[in-house]
Amino acid sequence: MTYLTLFKTKLEKATFAAGCFWGIEAAFKQVKGVVKTTVGYTGGSFENPTYEDVCNGKTGHAEAVEVEFDPKKTSYQKLLEVFWRIHDPTQINRQGPDVGSQYRSVIFYHDSNQKKLSETSMKKGQKIHAKPITTKIVKVPKFWLAEDYHQDYHEKHGGTCKI
């Protein structure tokens, strides 16, 4: 075992859907401890979906962001706090002007601990919303990578996102 292996942190993953993936990705990139973000499609039954496939609403997929993070620098709980803050979890199949099931609010958990933390976080969040939260909490299925032009979209096009 090398010196670097001893101190290398095992990264964890979190996956969220909360509207258009461009803004979601930009928000999570600002969190200290987030090492990588990837936008893609998940939650549906269609194999190898494209953006056009997902936009037609027939794939069942949501636009989502897979977040790789260093648990020594940030926590899953912190990521959940960002998730709840960057969108309106009471809207069904929409966020702002974006309408369709691909824009639904979903926490895709990777393990039983994430599931438990997500459920607890949602119960806490419901106390501050007058309307019912519509967010679903489901085990992450296959994550399909979105096209290159969607990756790091805000950085490529000068967009900003404040969290």
Protein backbone atom coordinates (compact mmCIF):
# COMPACT_ATOMS: atom_id res chain seq x y z
CA MET A 1 0.00 0.00 0.00
CA THR A 2 1.39 3.38 -0.98
CA TYR A 3 1.35 6.59 1.02
CA LEU A 4 -1.22 8.09 -1.37
CA THR A 5 -3.51 5.07 -1.08
CA LEU A 6 -3.59 5.41 2.70
CA PHE A 7 -4.95 8.94 2.57
CA LYS A 8 -7.06 8.82 -0.57
CA THR A 9 -10.69 9.50 0.30
CA LYS A 10 -13.35 7.26 -1.18
CA LEU A 11 -15.74 9.52 -3.06
CA GLU A 12 -19.49 9.07 -2.73
CA LYS A 13 -22.28 9.71 -5.22
CA ALA A 14 -25.62 11.46 -4.93
CA THR A 15 -28.20 11.87 -7.69
CA PHE A 16 -30.90 14.54 -7.86
CA ALA A 17 -33.59 15.74 -10.28
CA ALA A 18 -35.09 19.17 -9.69
CA GLY A 19 -35.91 20.77 -13.02
CA CYS A 20 -33.54 21.58 -15.87
CA PHE A 21 -30.24 19.89 -15.16
CA TRP A 22 -28.14 22.90 -16.22
CA GLY A 23 -29.07 24.96 -13.16
CA ILE A 24 -28.97 22.00 -10.80
CA GLU A 25 -25.46 21.14 -11.93
CA ALA A 26 -24.30 24.76 -11.58
CA ALA A 27 -25.64 24.92 -8.02
CA PHE A 28 -23.98 21.71 -6.87
CA LYS A 29 -20.65 22.70 -8.46
CA GLN A 30 -20.48 25.55 -5.93
CA VAL A 31 -20.54 23.23 -2.92
CA LYS A 32 -17.12 22.79 -1.34
CA GLY A 33 -16.32 19.08 -1.41
CA VAL A 34 -18.14 18.37 -4.68
CA VAL A 35 -15.49 16.85 -6.92
CA LYS A 36 -17.47 16.20 -10.10
CA THR A 37 -20.95 16.66 -11.53
CA THR A 38 -22.44 14.88 -14.51
CA VAL A 39 -25.79 15.60 -16.11
CA GLY A 40 -27.90 12.84 -17.55
CA TYR A 41 -31.18 11.00 -17.59
CA THR A 42 -32.54 8.48 -15.12
CA GLY A 43 -35.76 7.12 -13.69
CA GLY A 44 -37.27 5.86 -16.92
CA SER A 45 -37.43 2.69 -18.94
CA PHE A 46 -35.95 3.83 -22.25
CA GLU A 47 -32.44 2.57 -23.11
CA ASN A 48 -29.79 5.08 -24.26
CA PRO A 49 -32.07 8.12 -24.29
CA THR A 50 -31.15 11.33 -26.06
CA TYR A 51 -32.23 14.81 -25.05
CA GLU A 52 -34.87 14.74 -27.78
CA ASP A 53 -36.18 11.38 -26.51
CA VAL A 54 -36.47 12.68 -22.95
CA CYS A 55 -38.11 15.96 -24.03
CA ASN A 56 -40.90 14.09 -25.79
CA GLY A 57 -42.02 12.88 -22.35
CA LYS A 58 -42.35 9.24 -23.34
CA THR A 59 -39.15 7.81 -21.83
CA GLY A 60 -40.07 8.24 -18.18
CA HIS A 61 -36.63 9.72 -17.50
CA ALA A 62 -35.94 12.86 -15.50
CA GLU A 63 -33.15 15.31 -16.21
CA ALA A 64 -30.79 14.61 -13.32
CA VAL A 65 -27.38 15.40 -11.92
CA GLU A 66 -24.98 12.84 -10.52
CA VAL A 67 -22.78 14.46 -7.89
CA GLU A 68 -19.49 12.94 -6.77
CA PHE A 69 -18.38 14.33 -3.44
CA ASP A 70 -15.70 13.95 -0.82
CA PRO A 71 -17.48 12.99 2.43
CA LYS A 72 -14.58 14.46 4.41
CA LYS A 73 -15.33 17.90 2.96
CA THR A 74 -19.11 17.88 2.64
CA SER A 75 -21.95 15.62 3.67
CA TYR A 76 -24.93 14.07 1.95
CA GLN A 77 -27.03 16.11 4.39
CA LYS A 78 -25.46 19.33 3.03
CA LEU A 79 -26.26 18.22 -0.51
CA LEU A 80 -29.87 17.62 0.54
CA GLU A 81 -30.02 21.16 1.94
CA VAL A 82 -28.85 22.52 -1.41
CA PHE A 83 -31.36 20.32 -3.25
CA TRP A 84 -34.32 21.67 -1.25
CA ARG A 85 -33.10 25.26 -1.62
CA ILE A 86 -32.62 25.32 -5.42
CA HIS A 87 -36.12 24.35 -6.50
CA ASP A 88 -39.78 24.29 -5.51
CA PRO A 89 -40.47 20.72 -4.40
CA THR A 90 -44.23 21.34 -4.31
CA GLN A 91 -44.58 21.65 -8.09
CA ILE A 92 -45.60 18.58 -10.03
CA ASN A 93 -43.63 17.90 -13.23
CA ARG A 94 -42.33 21.43 -13.60
CA GLN A 95 -39.88 24.03 -12.39
CA GLY A 96 -40.54 27.60 -13.45
CA PRO A 97 -41.12 27.70 -17.20
CA ASP A 98 -39.95 24.11 -17.69
CA VAL A 99 -42.94 21.77 -17.85
CA GLY A 100 -42.98 17.99 -18.24
CA SER A 101 -42.25 14.83 -16.29
CA GLN A 102 -38.56 15.17 -17.15
CA TYR A 103 -38.48 18.19 -14.78
CA ARG A 104 -39.96 16.40 -11.76
CA SER A 105 -38.41 16.50 -8.30
CA VAL A 106 -36.69 13.25 -7.31
CA ILE A 107 -33.98 12.17 -4.90
CA PHE A 108 -32.34 9.04 -6.28
CA TYR A 109 -30.65 7.38 -3.30
CA HIS A 110 -27.59 5.13 -3.64
CA ASP A 111 -27.81 3.27 -0.32
CA SER A 112 -30.05 2.79 2.72
CA ASN A 113 -28.35 5.61 4.64
CA GLN A 114 -29.07 8.10 1.84
CA LYS A 115 -32.67 6.87 1.75
CA LYS A 116 -33.08 7.44 5.49
CA LEU A 117 -31.44 10.88 5.39
CA SER A 118 -33.59 11.86 2.38
CA GLU A 119 -36.83 10.81 4.08
CA THR A 120 -35.92 12.67 7.28
CA SER A 121 -34.93 15.74 5.29
CA MET A 122 -38.20 15.71 3.34
CA LYS A 123 -40.27 15.48 6.54
CA LYS A 124 -38.35 18.46 7.93
CA GLY A 125 -38.84 20.36 4.68
CA GLN A 126 -42.57 19.72 4.61
CA LYS A 127 -42.90 21.75 7.82
CA ILE A 128 -41.87 24.92 5.97
CA HIS A 129 -44.06 24.42 2.86
CA ALA A 130 -47.77 25.18 2.86
CA LYS A 131 -48.35 22.84 -0.11
CA PRO A 132 -47.45 19.14 -0.05
CA ILE A 133 -43.97 18.25 -1.27
CA THR A 134 -44.24 16.15 -4.44
CA THR A 135 -40.61 14.97 -4.45
CA LYS A 136 -40.16 11.23 -4.87
CA ILE A 137 -37.41 9.29 -3.13
CA VAL A 138 -36.38 6.21 -5.12
CA LYS A 139 -33.38 3.92 -5.54
CA VAL A 140 -31.16 5.19 -8.32
CA PRO A 141 -31.63 3.16 -11.49
CA LYS A 142 -29.29 3.24 -14.49
CA PHE A 143 -27.94 6.74 -15.12
CA TRP A 144 -27.58 7.67 -18.77
CA LEU A 145 -25.01 10.34 -19.60
CA ALA A 146 -26.42 13.40 -21.38
CA GLU A 147 -24.81 14.71 -24.53
CA ASP A 148 -21.51 16.63 -24.23
CA TYR A 149 -23.10 19.98 -25.00
CA HIS A 150 -25.19 19.66 -21.80
CA GLN A 151 -22.19 18.97 -19.53
CA ASP A 152 -21.00 22.09 -17.67
CA TYR A 153 -23.53 24.12 -19.67
CA HIS A 154 -23.44 27.21 -17.45
CA GLU A 155 -19.64 27.33 -17.50
CA LYS A 156 -19.57 26.99 -21.29
CA HIS A 157 -22.20 29.69 -21.83
CA GLY A 158 -21.48 32.20 -19.07
CA GLY A 159 -24.52 31.39 -16.97
CA THR A 160 -24.57 31.86 -13.24
CA CYS A 161 -26.36 30.24 -10.39
CA LYS A 162 -26.44 31.44 -6.80
CA ILE A 163 -27.12 29.05 -3.95
